[in-house]
Amino acid sequence: MTISSSHEELNLSAMQETLKAAALLLPIHDLDSNHKPLFDGQSRMGYPAAILLFCFIESIGHLVSRRKIDPSNAFHVLRSELFQNQNISEKQCQKLHYNYRCKLCHNLMLPENFIIDCDPYHTEVFPDINGNDVMGVNLYALLKICEQAFANIEANGIKPFFDNSAAIKSISKIRTHSGRNTRTLFTQNPSSYTQTNYYS
């Protein structure tokens, strides 16, 4: 974990660490004679990887929005160029948020017949769509478009997003403490992470 002196740096570091953690949970091992990955059944941890990736997508959805949006609308960002214009409707984005992000984060469950796939050889992110429901998600393909979205944000600079994002303004606004303005820095010590308020 890096020590961040600004909200922009903290957000970039958090994005990067989230994607690195997701990648660590989705290792690709050697191939068998049929060119299929050999998984040991334990080192590939799809559910926690999915939670990290869906939370990453939601955070980006809020970051790029110029107005305050409902969390269920944050996944609309998947339809944008940032995420390679995924071919899913706004309604499907909302259902994706509800059935995958919310169910996994809050209940560690998925609805019946909804699946998470870990296939590094298919590039389709959402291979199974039925009406308004996205029934299947390929985590390897999802990780790749998330990594590309982060690379684009990092290359173009995150400050323009911060300057225009309604969500960021509500989170990082200057707070008043005993008549003095405060800003928050996060520091690390050997035993724990601590949050320190600095007064100006």
N, C-alpha and C. Protein backbone atom coordinates (compact mmCIF):
# COMPACT_ATOMS: atom_id res chain seq x y z
N MET A 1 0.85 -1.19 0.00
CA MET A 1 0.00 0.00 0.00
C MET A 1 0.88 1.24 0.00
N THR A 2 0.57 2.17 -0.88
CA THR A 2 1.36 3.39 -0.98
C THR A 2 0.77 4.48 -0.09
N ILE A 3 1.63 5.39 0.34
CA ILE A 3 1.19 6.53 1.13
C ILE A 3 0.77 7.63 0.16
N SER A 4 -0.45 8.10 0.27
CA SER A 4 -0.99 9.06 -0.69
C SER A 4 -1.14 10.42 -0.03
N SER A 5 -0.73 11.47 -0.76
CA SER A 5 -0.83 12.82 -0.24
C SER A 5 -2.02 13.57 -0.82
N SER A 6 -2.79 12.93 -1.70
CA SER A 6 -3.97 13.57 -2.25
C SER A 6 -5.01 12.51 -2.55
N HIS A 7 -6.26 12.96 -2.70
CA HIS A 7 -7.32 12.02 -3.03
C HIS A 7 -7.11 11.41 -4.41
N GLU A 8 -6.55 12.18 -5.34
CA GLU A 8 -6.28 11.65 -6.68
C GLU A 8 -5.29 10.50 -6.62
N GLU A 9 -4.19 10.69 -5.89
CA GLU A 9 -3.19 9.64 -5.75
C GLU A 9 -3.77 8.43 -5.04
N LEU A 10 -4.55 8.68 -4.00
CA LEU A 10 -5.15 7.57 -3.26
C LEU A 10 -6.07 6.75 -4.16
N ASN A 11 -6.89 7.43 -4.96
CA ASN A 11 -7.83 6.74 -5.84
C ASN A 11 -7.11 5.92 -6.89
N LEU A 12 -6.07 6.48 -7.49
CA LEU A 12 -5.30 5.73 -8.49
C LEU A 12 -4.63 4.51 -7.86
N SER A 13 -4.05 4.69 -6.68
CA SER A 13 -3.41 3.56 -6.00
C SER A 13 -4.42 2.48 -5.64
N ALA A 14 -5.60 2.89 -5.18
CA ALA A 14 -6.64 1.92 -4.82
C ALA A 14 -7.10 1.15 -6.04
N MET A 15 -7.26 1.84 -7.18
CA MET A 15 -7.65 1.16 -8.41
C MET A 15 -6.60 0.12 -8.81
N GLN A 16 -5.35 0.56 -8.81
CA GLN A 16 -4.26 -0.32 -9.22
C GLN A 16 -4.16 -1.55 -8.31
N GLU A 17 -4.24 -1.33 -7.01
CA GLU A 17 -4.14 -2.44 -6.06
C GLU A 17 -5.32 -3.39 -6.19
N THR A 18 -6.52 -2.85 -6.45
CA THR A 18 -7.70 -3.69 -6.63
C THR A 18 -7.54 -4.61 -7.82
N LEU A 19 -7.04 -4.08 -8.94
CA LEU A 19 -6.86 -4.90 -10.13
C LEU A 19 -5.73 -5.90 -9.96
N LYS A 20 -4.67 -5.52 -9.28
CA LYS A 20 -3.57 -6.46 -9.02
C LYS A 20 -4.05 -7.61 -8.14
N ALA A 21 -4.87 -7.28 -7.14
CA ALA A 21 -5.40 -8.32 -6.25
C ALA A 21 -6.30 -9.28 -7.03
N ALA A 22 -7.14 -8.73 -7.91
CA ALA A 22 -8.02 -9.58 -8.72
C ALA A 22 -7.20 -10.50 -9.61
N ALA A 23 -6.14 -9.97 -10.21
CA ALA A 23 -5.29 -10.78 -11.08
C ALA A 23 -4.61 -11.91 -10.30
N LEU A 24 -4.20 -11.62 -9.07
CA LEU A 24 -3.58 -12.65 -8.24
C LEU A 24 -4.55 -13.78 -7.92
N LEU A 25 -5.83 -13.45 -7.87
CA LEU A 25 -6.85 -14.46 -7.57
C LEU A 25 -7.22 -15.29 -8.79
N LEU A 26 -6.73 -14.89 -9.97
CA LEU A 26 -7.07 -15.59 -11.22
C LEU A 26 -5.80 -16.03 -11.95
N PRO A 27 -4.99 -16.89 -11.33
CA PRO A 27 -3.74 -17.29 -11.99
C PRO A 27 -4.00 -18.23 -13.16
N ILE A 28 -3.13 -18.17 -14.15
CA ILE A 28 -3.17 -19.11 -15.28
C ILE A 28 -1.96 -20.02 -15.14
N HIS A 29 -2.22 -21.32 -15.06
CA HIS A 29 -1.15 -22.30 -14.90
C HIS A 29 -0.74 -22.85 -16.26
N ASP A 30 0.11 -23.86 -16.26
CA ASP A 30 0.55 -24.48 -17.50
C ASP A 30 -0.63 -25.13 -18.22
N LEU A 31 -0.45 -25.40 -19.51
CA LEU A 31 -1.49 -25.99 -20.31
C LEU A 31 -1.32 -27.51 -20.38
N ASP A 32 -2.44 -28.21 -20.50
CA ASP A 32 -2.37 -29.65 -20.71
C ASP A 32 -2.21 -29.93 -22.20
N SER A 33 -2.27 -31.21 -22.58
CA SER A 33 -2.04 -31.59 -23.98
C SER A 33 -3.09 -31.03 -24.92
N ASN A 34 -4.25 -30.66 -24.39
CA ASN A 34 -5.32 -30.07 -25.21
C ASN A 34 -5.32 -28.55 -25.16
N HIS A 35 -4.20 -27.99 -24.65
CA HIS A 35 -4.05 -26.53 -24.56
C HIS A 35 -5.09 -25.90 -23.63
N LYS A 36 -5.53 -26.64 -22.65
CA LYS A 36 -6.44 -26.13 -21.64
C LYS A 36 -5.65 -25.82 -20.38
N PRO A 37 -6.03 -24.79 -19.63
CA PRO A 37 -5.27 -24.44 -18.42
C PRO A 37 -5.43 -25.50 -17.34
N LEU A 38 -4.35 -25.78 -16.67
CA LEU A 38 -4.39 -26.73 -15.55
C LEU A 38 -4.58 -25.94 -14.27
N PHE A 39 -5.77 -26.01 -13.70
CA PHE A 39 -6.04 -25.32 -12.44
C PHE A 39 -6.01 -26.35 -11.32
N ASP A 40 -5.49 -25.97 -10.19
CA ASP A 40 -5.45 -26.91 -9.08
C ASP A 40 -6.73 -26.88 -8.25
N GLY A 41 -7.68 -26.02 -8.65
CA GLY A 41 -8.97 -26.00 -7.96
C GLY A 41 -8.97 -25.17 -6.70
N GLN A 42 -7.81 -24.67 -6.28
CA GLN A 42 -7.75 -23.89 -5.05
C GLN A 42 -7.16 -22.51 -5.26
N SER A 43 -6.16 -22.40 -6.15
CA SER A 43 -5.52 -21.10 -6.31
C SER A 43 -6.35 -20.14 -7.15
N ARG A 44 -7.29 -20.65 -7.95
CA ARG A 44 -8.17 -19.77 -8.72
C ARG A 44 -9.39 -19.44 -7.86
N MET A 45 -9.52 -18.21 -7.44
CA MET A 45 -10.60 -17.82 -6.54
C MET A 45 -11.51 -16.82 -7.24
N GLY A 46 -12.50 -17.34 -7.93
CA GLY A 46 -13.34 -16.52 -8.79
C GLY A 46 -14.26 -15.57 -8.05
N TYR A 47 -14.83 -16.01 -6.94
CA TYR A 47 -15.81 -15.16 -6.27
C TYR A 47 -15.19 -13.89 -5.69
N PRO A 48 -14.10 -14.00 -4.93
CA PRO A 48 -13.50 -12.73 -4.45
C PRO A 48 -12.97 -11.87 -5.59
N ALA A 49 -12.46 -12.51 -6.67
CA ALA A 49 -12.01 -11.73 -7.82
C ALA A 49 -13.18 -10.98 -8.44
N ALA A 50 -14.33 -11.65 -8.54
CA ALA A 50 -15.52 -11.00 -9.10
C ALA A 50 -15.95 -9.82 -8.26
N ILE A 51 -15.92 -9.97 -6.94
CA ILE A 51 -16.31 -8.88 -6.05
C ILE A 51 -15.41 -7.66 -6.29
N LEU A 52 -14.11 -7.89 -6.38
CA LEU A 52 -13.17 -6.79 -6.61
C LEU A 52 -13.42 -6.11 -7.96
N LEU A 53 -13.64 -6.90 -8.99
CA LEU A 53 -13.83 -6.33 -10.33
C LEU A 53 -15.14 -5.56 -10.43
N PHE A 54 -16.21 -6.09 -9.84
CA PHE A 54 -17.48 -5.38 -9.90
C PHE A 54 -17.44 -4.09 -9.08
N CYS A 55 -16.74 -4.12 -7.95
CA CYS A 55 -16.59 -2.89 -7.17
C CYS A 55 -15.74 -1.87 -7.92
N PHE A 56 -14.73 -2.34 -8.63
CA PHE A 56 -13.91 -1.45 -9.46
C PHE A 56 -14.77 -0.77 -10.52
N ILE A 57 -15.61 -1.55 -11.20
CA ILE A 57 -16.48 -0.98 -12.24
C ILE A 57 -17.42 0.06 -11.65
N GLU A 58 -18.00 -0.25 -10.50
CA GLU A 58 -18.92 0.71 -9.88
C GLU A 58 -18.19 2.00 -9.52
N SER A 59 -16.97 1.87 -9.00
CA SER A 59 -16.22 3.08 -8.63
C SER A 59 -15.92 3.93 -9.86
N ILE A 60 -15.60 3.30 -10.99
CA ILE A 60 -15.34 4.05 -12.22
C ILE A 60 -16.62 4.72 -12.71
N GLY A 61 -17.74 4.00 -12.59
CA GLY A 61 -19.01 4.57 -12.99
C GLY A 61 -19.34 5.86 -12.25
N HIS A 62 -19.05 5.87 -10.95
CA HIS A 62 -19.26 7.08 -10.16
C HIS A 62 -18.23 8.15 -10.50
N LEU A 63 -17.00 7.71 -10.74
CA LEU A 63 -15.92 8.66 -11.02
C LEU A 63 -16.19 9.48 -12.27
N VAL A 64 -16.70 8.84 -13.32
CA VAL A 64 -16.85 9.54 -14.60
C VAL A 64 -18.17 10.28 -14.73
N SER A 65 -19.06 10.11 -13.75
CA SER A 65 -20.36 10.78 -13.85
C SER A 65 -20.27 12.21 -13.33
N ARG A 66 -20.80 13.15 -14.11
CA ARG A 66 -20.80 14.56 -13.71
C ARG A 66 -21.95 14.89 -12.77
N ARG A 67 -22.88 13.95 -12.60
CA ARG A 67 -23.98 14.17 -11.67
C ARG A 67 -24.08 12.98 -10.73
N LYS A 68 -24.67 13.21 -9.59
CA LYS A 68 -24.82 12.13 -8.62
C LYS A 68 -25.78 11.09 -9.17
N ILE A 69 -25.37 9.83 -9.16
CA ILE A 69 -26.19 8.79 -9.74
C ILE A 69 -26.48 7.70 -8.72
N ASP A 70 -27.55 6.97 -8.96
CA ASP A 70 -27.88 5.82 -8.14
C ASP A 70 -26.83 4.74 -8.42
N PRO A 71 -26.42 3.98 -7.39
CA PRO A 71 -25.43 2.93 -7.61
C PRO A 71 -25.81 1.96 -8.73
N SER A 72 -27.11 1.71 -8.90
CA SER A 72 -27.54 0.77 -9.93
C SER A 72 -27.26 1.28 -11.33
N ASN A 73 -27.04 2.60 -11.46
CA ASN A 73 -26.74 3.17 -12.77
C ASN A 73 -25.24 3.27 -13.05
N ALA A 74 -24.42 2.95 -12.06
CA ALA A 74 -22.97 3.09 -12.23
C ALA A 74 -22.42 2.14 -13.28
N PHE A 75 -23.08 1.00 -13.46
CA PHE A 75 -22.60 0.01 -14.43
C PHE A 75 -22.86 0.43 -15.87
N HIS A 76 -23.58 1.54 -16.07
CA HIS A 76 -23.77 2.04 -17.44
C HIS A 76 -22.43 2.37 -18.08
N VAL A 77 -21.41 2.59 -17.25
CA VAL A 77 -20.08 2.92 -17.77
C VAL A 77 -19.54 1.79 -18.64
N LEU A 78 -20.07 0.57 -18.46
CA LEU A 78 -19.62 -0.55 -19.29
C LEU A 78 -19.96 -0.33 -20.77
N ARG A 79 -20.93 0.51 -21.04
CA ARG A 79 -21.34 0.79 -22.42
C ARG A 79 -20.48 1.87 -23.07
N SER A 80 -19.56 2.44 -22.29
CA SER A 80 -18.75 3.56 -22.78
C SER A 80 -17.47 3.07 -23.45
N GLU A 81 -16.82 4.00 -24.13
CA GLU A 81 -15.55 3.68 -24.79
C GLU A 81 -14.50 3.23 -23.79
N LEU A 82 -14.58 3.74 -22.57
CA LEU A 82 -13.62 3.38 -21.53
C LEU A 82 -13.59 1.86 -21.32
N PHE A 83 -14.74 1.21 -21.44
CA PHE A 83 -14.84 -0.25 -21.28
C PHE A 83 -15.16 -0.93 -22.62
N GLN A 84 -14.67 -0.32 -23.70
CA GLN A 84 -14.75 -0.90 -25.04
C GLN A 84 -16.19 -1.13 -25.50
N ASN A 85 -17.08 -0.24 -25.09
CA ASN A 85 -18.46 -0.22 -25.60
C ASN A 85 -19.12 -1.60 -25.56
N GLN A 86 -19.22 -2.16 -24.36
CA GLN A 86 -19.84 -3.49 -24.23
C GLN A 86 -21.27 -3.47 -24.76
N ASN A 87 -21.62 -4.50 -25.49
CA ASN A 87 -22.92 -4.56 -26.16
C ASN A 87 -24.01 -5.06 -25.20
N ILE A 88 -24.30 -4.26 -24.20
CA ILE A 88 -25.38 -4.57 -23.27
C ILE A 88 -26.20 -3.30 -23.05
N SER A 89 -27.48 -3.48 -22.82
CA SER A 89 -28.39 -2.34 -22.67
C SER A 89 -28.26 -1.73 -21.27
N GLU A 90 -28.85 -0.55 -21.10
CA GLU A 90 -28.85 0.07 -19.77
C GLU A 90 -29.57 -0.81 -18.76
N LYS A 91 -30.67 -1.41 -19.17
CA LYS A 91 -31.41 -2.30 -18.27
C LYS A 91 -30.56 -3.51 -17.89
N GLN A 92 -29.82 -4.06 -18.84
CA GLN A 92 -28.94 -5.18 -18.55
C GLN A 92 -27.82 -4.77 -17.60
N CYS A 93 -27.33 -3.54 -17.74
CA CYS A 93 -26.31 -3.02 -16.82
C CYS A 93 -26.85 -2.96 -15.39
N GLN A 94 -28.07 -2.49 -15.25
CA GLN A 94 -28.69 -2.40 -13.93
C GLN A 94 -28.89 -3.77 -13.32
N LYS A 95 -29.35 -4.72 -14.13
CA LYS A 95 -29.56 -6.08 -13.63
C LYS A 95 -28.23 -6.75 -13.30
N LEU A 96 -27.20 -6.44 -14.09
CA LEU A 96 -25.86 -6.96 -13.82
C LEU A 96 -25.38 -6.49 -12.46
N HIS A 97 -25.58 -5.21 -12.19
CA HIS A 97 -25.20 -4.64 -10.89
C HIS A 97 -25.95 -5.34 -9.77
N TYR A 98 -27.23 -5.53 -9.93
CA TYR A 98 -28.04 -6.12 -8.87
C TYR A 98 -27.72 -7.60 -8.66
N ASN A 99 -27.66 -8.37 -9.74
CA ASN A 99 -27.52 -9.82 -9.62
C ASN A 99 -26.10 -10.27 -9.30
N TYR A 100 -25.10 -9.49 -9.71
CA TYR A 100 -23.72 -9.90 -9.48
C TYR A 100 -23.05 -9.07 -8.39
N ARG A 101 -22.92 -7.79 -8.62
CA ARG A 101 -22.20 -6.96 -7.64
C ARG A 101 -22.88 -7.01 -6.28
N CYS A 102 -24.18 -6.72 -6.23
CA CYS A 102 -24.88 -6.63 -4.95
C CYS A 102 -25.02 -8.00 -4.27
N LYS A 103 -25.41 -9.01 -5.03
CA LYS A 103 -25.61 -10.33 -4.44
C LYS A 103 -24.31 -10.91 -3.90
N LEU A 104 -23.22 -10.70 -4.63
CA LEU A 104 -21.94 -11.23 -4.16
C LEU A 104 -21.40 -10.44 -2.98
N CYS A 105 -21.44 -9.11 -3.07
CA CYS A 105 -20.87 -8.29 -2.00
C CYS A 105 -21.65 -8.40 -0.69
N HIS A 106 -22.97 -8.46 -0.79
CA HIS A 106 -23.79 -8.41 0.41
C HIS A 106 -24.21 -9.78 0.93
N ASN A 107 -24.29 -10.77 0.03
CA ASN A 107 -24.79 -12.08 0.44
C ASN A 107 -23.87 -13.24 0.10
N LEU A 108 -22.79 -12.97 -0.64
CA LEU A 108 -21.90 -14.04 -1.13
C LEU A 108 -22.71 -15.13 -1.83
N MET A 109 -23.65 -14.70 -2.64
CA MET A 109 -24.53 -15.61 -3.36
C MET A 109 -24.76 -15.08 -4.77
N LEU A 110 -25.19 -15.96 -5.64
CA LEU A 110 -25.66 -15.59 -6.97
C LEU A 110 -27.04 -16.20 -7.17
N PRO A 111 -27.91 -15.55 -7.94
CA PRO A 111 -29.20 -16.16 -8.25
C PRO A 111 -29.01 -17.47 -9.01
N GLU A 112 -30.00 -18.32 -8.94
CA GLU A 112 -29.94 -19.61 -9.62
C GLU A 112 -29.74 -19.41 -11.13
N ASN A 113 -28.88 -20.25 -11.71
CA ASN A 113 -28.58 -20.26 -13.15
C ASN A 113 -27.70 -19.09 -13.60
N PHE A 114 -27.23 -18.28 -12.67
CA PHE A 114 -26.27 -17.24 -13.01
C PHE A 114 -24.87 -17.79 -12.73
N ILE A 115 -23.96 -17.60 -13.67
CA ILE A 115 -22.65 -18.23 -13.52
C ILE A 115 -21.52 -17.22 -13.68
N ILE A 116 -20.40 -17.56 -13.05
CA ILE A 116 -19.14 -16.85 -13.24
C ILE A 116 -18.17 -17.84 -13.85
N ASP A 117 -17.62 -17.48 -15.00
CA ASP A 117 -16.73 -18.36 -15.73
C ASP A 117 -15.31 -17.82 -15.64
N CYS A 118 -14.34 -18.71 -15.67
CA CYS A 118 -12.93 -18.31 -15.67
C CYS A 118 -12.26 -18.98 -16.86
N ASP A 119 -12.44 -18.40 -18.03
CA ASP A 119 -11.89 -18.98 -19.26
C ASP A 119 -10.97 -17.96 -19.92
N PRO A 120 -9.65 -18.19 -19.78
CA PRO A 120 -8.70 -17.21 -20.33
C PRO A 120 -8.60 -17.22 -21.84
N TYR A 121 -9.30 -18.12 -22.52
CA TYR A 121 -9.17 -18.25 -23.97
C TYR A 121 -10.37 -17.70 -24.72
N HIS A 122 -11.32 -17.11 -24.03
CA HIS A 122 -12.44 -16.48 -24.70
C HIS A 122 -12.45 -14.99 -24.34
N THR A 123 -12.67 -14.16 -25.33
CA THR A 123 -12.59 -12.71 -25.12
C THR A 123 -13.94 -12.08 -24.82
N GLU A 124 -15.03 -12.84 -24.97
CA GLU A 124 -16.35 -12.28 -24.73
C GLU A 124 -16.57 -12.11 -23.23
N VAL A 125 -16.89 -10.91 -22.81
CA VAL A 125 -17.04 -10.63 -21.38
C VAL A 125 -18.34 -11.21 -20.84
N PHE A 126 -19.41 -11.01 -21.60
CA PHE A 126 -20.73 -11.47 -21.18
C PHE A 126 -21.26 -12.50 -22.19
N PRO A 127 -20.86 -13.77 -22.04
CA PRO A 127 -21.16 -14.77 -23.06
C PRO A 127 -22.60 -15.27 -23.06
N ASP A 128 -23.35 -15.00 -22.02
CA ASP A 128 -24.71 -15.56 -21.95
C ASP A 128 -25.67 -14.47 -21.46
N ILE A 129 -26.49 -13.97 -22.39
CA ILE A 129 -27.48 -12.94 -22.07
C ILE A 129 -28.86 -13.46 -22.44
N ASN A 130 -29.78 -13.36 -21.50
CA ASN A 130 -31.16 -13.82 -21.71
C ASN A 130 -32.11 -12.69 -21.36
N GLY A 131 -32.63 -12.01 -22.39
CA GLY A 131 -33.52 -10.88 -22.12
C GLY A 131 -32.75 -9.77 -21.44
N ASN A 132 -33.25 -9.32 -20.30
CA ASN A 132 -32.59 -8.25 -19.55
C ASN A 132 -31.53 -8.77 -18.59
N ASP A 133 -31.40 -10.09 -18.51
CA ASP A 133 -30.46 -10.67 -17.55
C ASP A 133 -29.16 -11.10 -18.22
N VAL A 134 -28.05 -10.67 -17.63
CA VAL A 134 -26.74 -11.17 -18.02
C VAL A 134 -26.50 -12.42 -17.19
N MET A 135 -26.58 -13.58 -17.81
CA MET A 135 -26.55 -14.84 -17.07
C MET A 135 -25.13 -15.35 -16.83
N GLY A 136 -24.17 -14.88 -17.62
CA GLY A 136 -22.81 -15.36 -17.48
C GLY A 136 -21.79 -14.25 -17.62
N VAL A 137 -20.72 -14.33 -16.83
CA VAL A 137 -19.63 -13.35 -16.86
C VAL A 137 -18.31 -14.11 -16.92
N ASN A 138 -17.46 -13.76 -17.87
CA ASN A 138 -16.13 -14.36 -17.97
C ASN A 138 -15.14 -13.44 -17.26
N LEU A 139 -14.62 -13.89 -16.13
CA LEU A 139 -13.79 -13.01 -15.30
C LEU A 139 -12.48 -12.62 -15.96
N TYR A 140 -11.87 -13.50 -16.75
CA TYR A 140 -10.62 -13.13 -17.40
C TYR A 140 -10.83 -11.99 -18.39
N ALA A 141 -11.91 -12.09 -19.17
CA ALA A 141 -12.21 -11.03 -20.12
C ALA A 141 -12.61 -9.75 -19.39
N LEU A 142 -13.33 -9.89 -18.28
CA LEU A 142 -13.71 -8.72 -17.49
C LEU A 142 -12.48 -8.03 -16.91
N LEU A 143 -11.53 -8.83 -16.41
CA LEU A 143 -10.29 -8.26 -15.87
C LEU A 143 -9.55 -7.47 -16.94
N LYS A 144 -9.51 -7.98 -18.17
CA LYS A 144 -8.79 -7.30 -19.23
C LYS A 144 -9.39 -5.94 -19.56
N ILE A 145 -10.72 -5.85 -19.63
CA ILE A 145 -11.31 -4.54 -19.96
C ILE A 145 -11.19 -3.59 -18.77
N CYS A 146 -11.16 -4.12 -17.55
CA CYS A 146 -10.94 -3.26 -16.38
C CYS A 146 -9.51 -2.72 -16.38
N GLU A 147 -8.56 -3.57 -16.71
CA GLU A 147 -7.16 -3.13 -16.77
C GLU A 147 -6.97 -2.07 -17.86
N GLN A 148 -7.66 -2.25 -18.99
CA GLN A 148 -7.55 -1.27 -20.06
C GLN A 148 -8.19 0.06 -19.66
N ALA A 149 -9.32 -0.02 -18.96
CA ALA A 149 -9.96 1.21 -18.48
C ALA A 149 -9.04 1.96 -17.53
N PHE A 150 -8.39 1.24 -16.63
CA PHE A 150 -7.46 1.88 -15.70
C PHE A 150 -6.28 2.50 -16.46
N ALA A 151 -5.75 1.77 -17.44
CA ALA A 151 -4.61 2.28 -18.22
C ALA A 151 -4.98 3.58 -18.92
N ASN A 152 -6.21 3.65 -19.44
CA ASN A 152 -6.65 4.88 -20.11
C ASN A 152 -6.78 6.04 -19.13
N ILE A 153 -7.33 5.76 -17.95
CA ILE A 153 -7.47 6.80 -16.93
C ILE A 153 -6.09 7.29 -16.48
N GLU A 154 -5.18 6.35 -16.26
CA GLU A 154 -3.83 6.70 -15.81
C GLU A 154 -3.09 7.49 -16.88
N ALA A 155 -3.25 7.09 -18.15
CA ALA A 155 -2.54 7.76 -19.23
C ALA A 155 -3.05 9.18 -19.47
N ASN A 156 -4.35 9.38 -19.33
CA ASN A 156 -4.96 10.68 -19.60
C ASN A 156 -5.03 11.58 -18.38
N GLY A 157 -4.70 11.01 -17.22
CA GLY A 157 -4.74 11.80 -15.99
C GLY A 157 -6.09 11.71 -15.31
N ILE A 158 -6.08 11.55 -14.02
CA ILE A 158 -7.33 11.37 -13.28
C ILE A 158 -7.93 12.71 -12.85
N LYS A 159 -7.13 13.78 -12.87
CA LYS A 159 -7.62 15.06 -12.35
C LYS A 159 -8.88 15.56 -13.05
N PRO A 160 -8.98 15.47 -14.39
CA PRO A 160 -10.23 15.93 -15.02
C PRO A 160 -11.47 15.21 -14.51
N PHE A 161 -11.33 13.93 -14.20
CA PHE A 161 -12.46 13.20 -13.64
C PHE A 161 -12.81 13.74 -12.26
N PHE A 162 -11.78 13.98 -11.45
CA PHE A 162 -12.00 14.48 -10.10
C PHE A 162 -12.66 15.86 -10.14
N ASP A 163 -12.24 16.69 -11.08
CA ASP A 163 -12.77 18.05 -11.15
C ASP A 163 -14.24 18.08 -11.53
N ASN A 164 -14.71 17.04 -12.24
CA ASN A 164 -16.08 17.05 -12.76
C ASN A 164 -17.00 16.02 -12.12
N SER A 165 -16.46 15.13 -11.29
CA SER A 165 -17.26 14.04 -10.74
C SER A 165 -18.07 14.49 -9.53
N ALA A 166 -19.38 14.29 -9.60
CA ALA A 166 -20.24 14.66 -8.47
C ALA A 166 -19.93 13.80 -7.25
N ALA A 167 -19.67 12.51 -7.47
CA ALA A 167 -19.40 11.61 -6.36
C ALA A 167 -18.11 12.00 -5.64
N ILE A 168 -17.08 12.33 -6.41
CA ILE A 168 -15.80 12.70 -5.82
C ILE A 168 -15.93 14.01 -5.04
N LYS A 169 -16.70 14.95 -5.58
CA LYS A 169 -16.89 16.22 -4.87
C LYS A 169 -17.54 16.01 -3.52
N SER A 170 -18.49 15.07 -3.46
CA SER A 170 -19.17 14.84 -2.19
C SER A 170 -18.28 14.10 -1.19
N ILE A 171 -17.32 13.33 -1.69
CA ILE A 171 -16.43 12.57 -0.81
C ILE A 171 -15.25 13.41 -0.34
N SER A 172 -14.65 14.14 -1.27
CA SER A 172 -13.38 14.82 -0.96
C SER A 172 -13.52 16.29 -0.66
N LYS A 173 -14.74 16.75 -0.45
CA LYS A 173 -14.91 18.17 -0.15
C LYS A 173 -14.20 18.51 1.17
N ILE A 174 -13.78 19.74 1.26
CA ILE A 174 -13.08 20.18 2.48
C ILE A 174 -14.07 20.21 3.63
N ARG A 175 -13.69 19.54 4.72
CA ARG A 175 -14.54 19.53 5.90
C ARG A 175 -14.05 20.59 6.89
N THR A 176 -14.96 21.08 7.66
CA THR A 176 -14.61 22.06 8.68
C THR A 176 -14.58 21.39 10.05
N HIS A 177 -13.50 21.58 10.75
CA HIS A 177 -13.34 20.97 12.07
C HIS A 177 -12.89 22.05 13.04
N SER A 178 -13.79 22.40 13.95
CA SER A 178 -13.48 23.43 14.95
C SER A 178 -13.04 24.74 14.30
N GLY A 179 -13.69 25.07 13.19
CA GLY A 179 -13.38 26.32 12.53
C GLY A 179 -12.17 26.28 11.63
N ARG A 180 -11.52 25.11 11.54
CA ARG A 180 -10.34 25.00 10.69
C ARG A 180 -10.60 24.00 9.58
N ASN A 181 -10.05 24.26 8.42
CA ASN A 181 -10.17 23.31 7.33
C ASN A 181 -9.28 22.11 7.58
N THR A 182 -9.75 20.94 7.20
CA THR A 182 -8.94 19.74 7.39
C THR A 182 -8.83 18.99 6.08
N ARG A 183 -7.72 18.29 5.94
CA ARG A 183 -7.60 17.35 4.84
C ARG A 183 -7.09 16.04 5.42
N THR A 184 -7.37 14.95 4.77
CA THR A 184 -7.04 13.65 5.32
C THR A 184 -5.93 12.99 4.52
N LEU A 185 -4.93 12.51 5.21
CA LEU A 185 -3.88 11.72 4.60
C LEU A 185 -3.91 10.34 5.24
N PHE A 186 -3.52 9.34 4.49
CA PHE A 186 -3.49 7.98 5.00
C PHE A 186 -2.03 7.57 5.14
N THR A 187 -1.68 7.10 6.32
CA THR A 187 -0.31 6.69 6.57
C THR A 187 -0.30 5.24 7.04
N GLN A 188 0.86 4.64 6.93
CA GLN A 188 1.00 3.24 7.29
C GLN A 188 2.06 3.10 8.36
N ASN A 189 1.78 2.31 9.39
CA ASN A 189 2.82 1.96 10.34
C ASN A 189 2.97 0.45 10.32
N PRO A 190 3.99 -0.10 10.96
CA PRO A 190 4.24 -1.54 10.85
C PRO A 190 3.09 -2.42 11.29
N SER A 191 2.23 -1.94 12.18
CA SER A 191 1.21 -2.83 12.73
C SER A 191 -0.18 -2.59 12.18
N SER A 192 -0.43 -1.40 11.63
CA SER A 192 -1.79 -1.13 11.16
C SER A 192 -1.80 0.06 10.22
N TYR A 193 -2.93 0.27 9.58
CA TYR A 193 -3.11 1.46 8.77
C TYR A 193 -3.85 2.48 9.63
N THR A 194 -3.39 3.70 9.58
CA THR A 194 -4.03 4.73 10.39
C THR A 194 -4.42 5.91 9.50
N GLN A 195 -5.45 6.60 9.90
CA GLN A 195 -5.88 7.80 9.17
C GLN A 195 -5.59 9.00 10.06
N THR A 196 -4.92 10.00 9.49
CA THR A 196 -4.50 11.15 10.26
C THR A 196 -5.10 12.41 9.65
N ASN A 197 -5.66 13.26 10.47
CA ASN A 197 -6.18 14.54 10.00
C ASN A 197 -5.11 15.61 10.17
N TYR A 198 -4.88 16.34 9.10
CA TYR A 198 -3.92 17.44 9.12
C TYR A 198 -4.69 18.74 9.01
N TYR A 199 -4.38 19.70 9.85
CA TYR A 199 -5.12 20.94 9.89
C TYR A 199 -4.38 22.04 9.15
N SER A 200 -5.16 22.90 8.52
CA SER A 200 -4.54 24.05 7.83
C SER A 200 -5.27 25.32 8.22
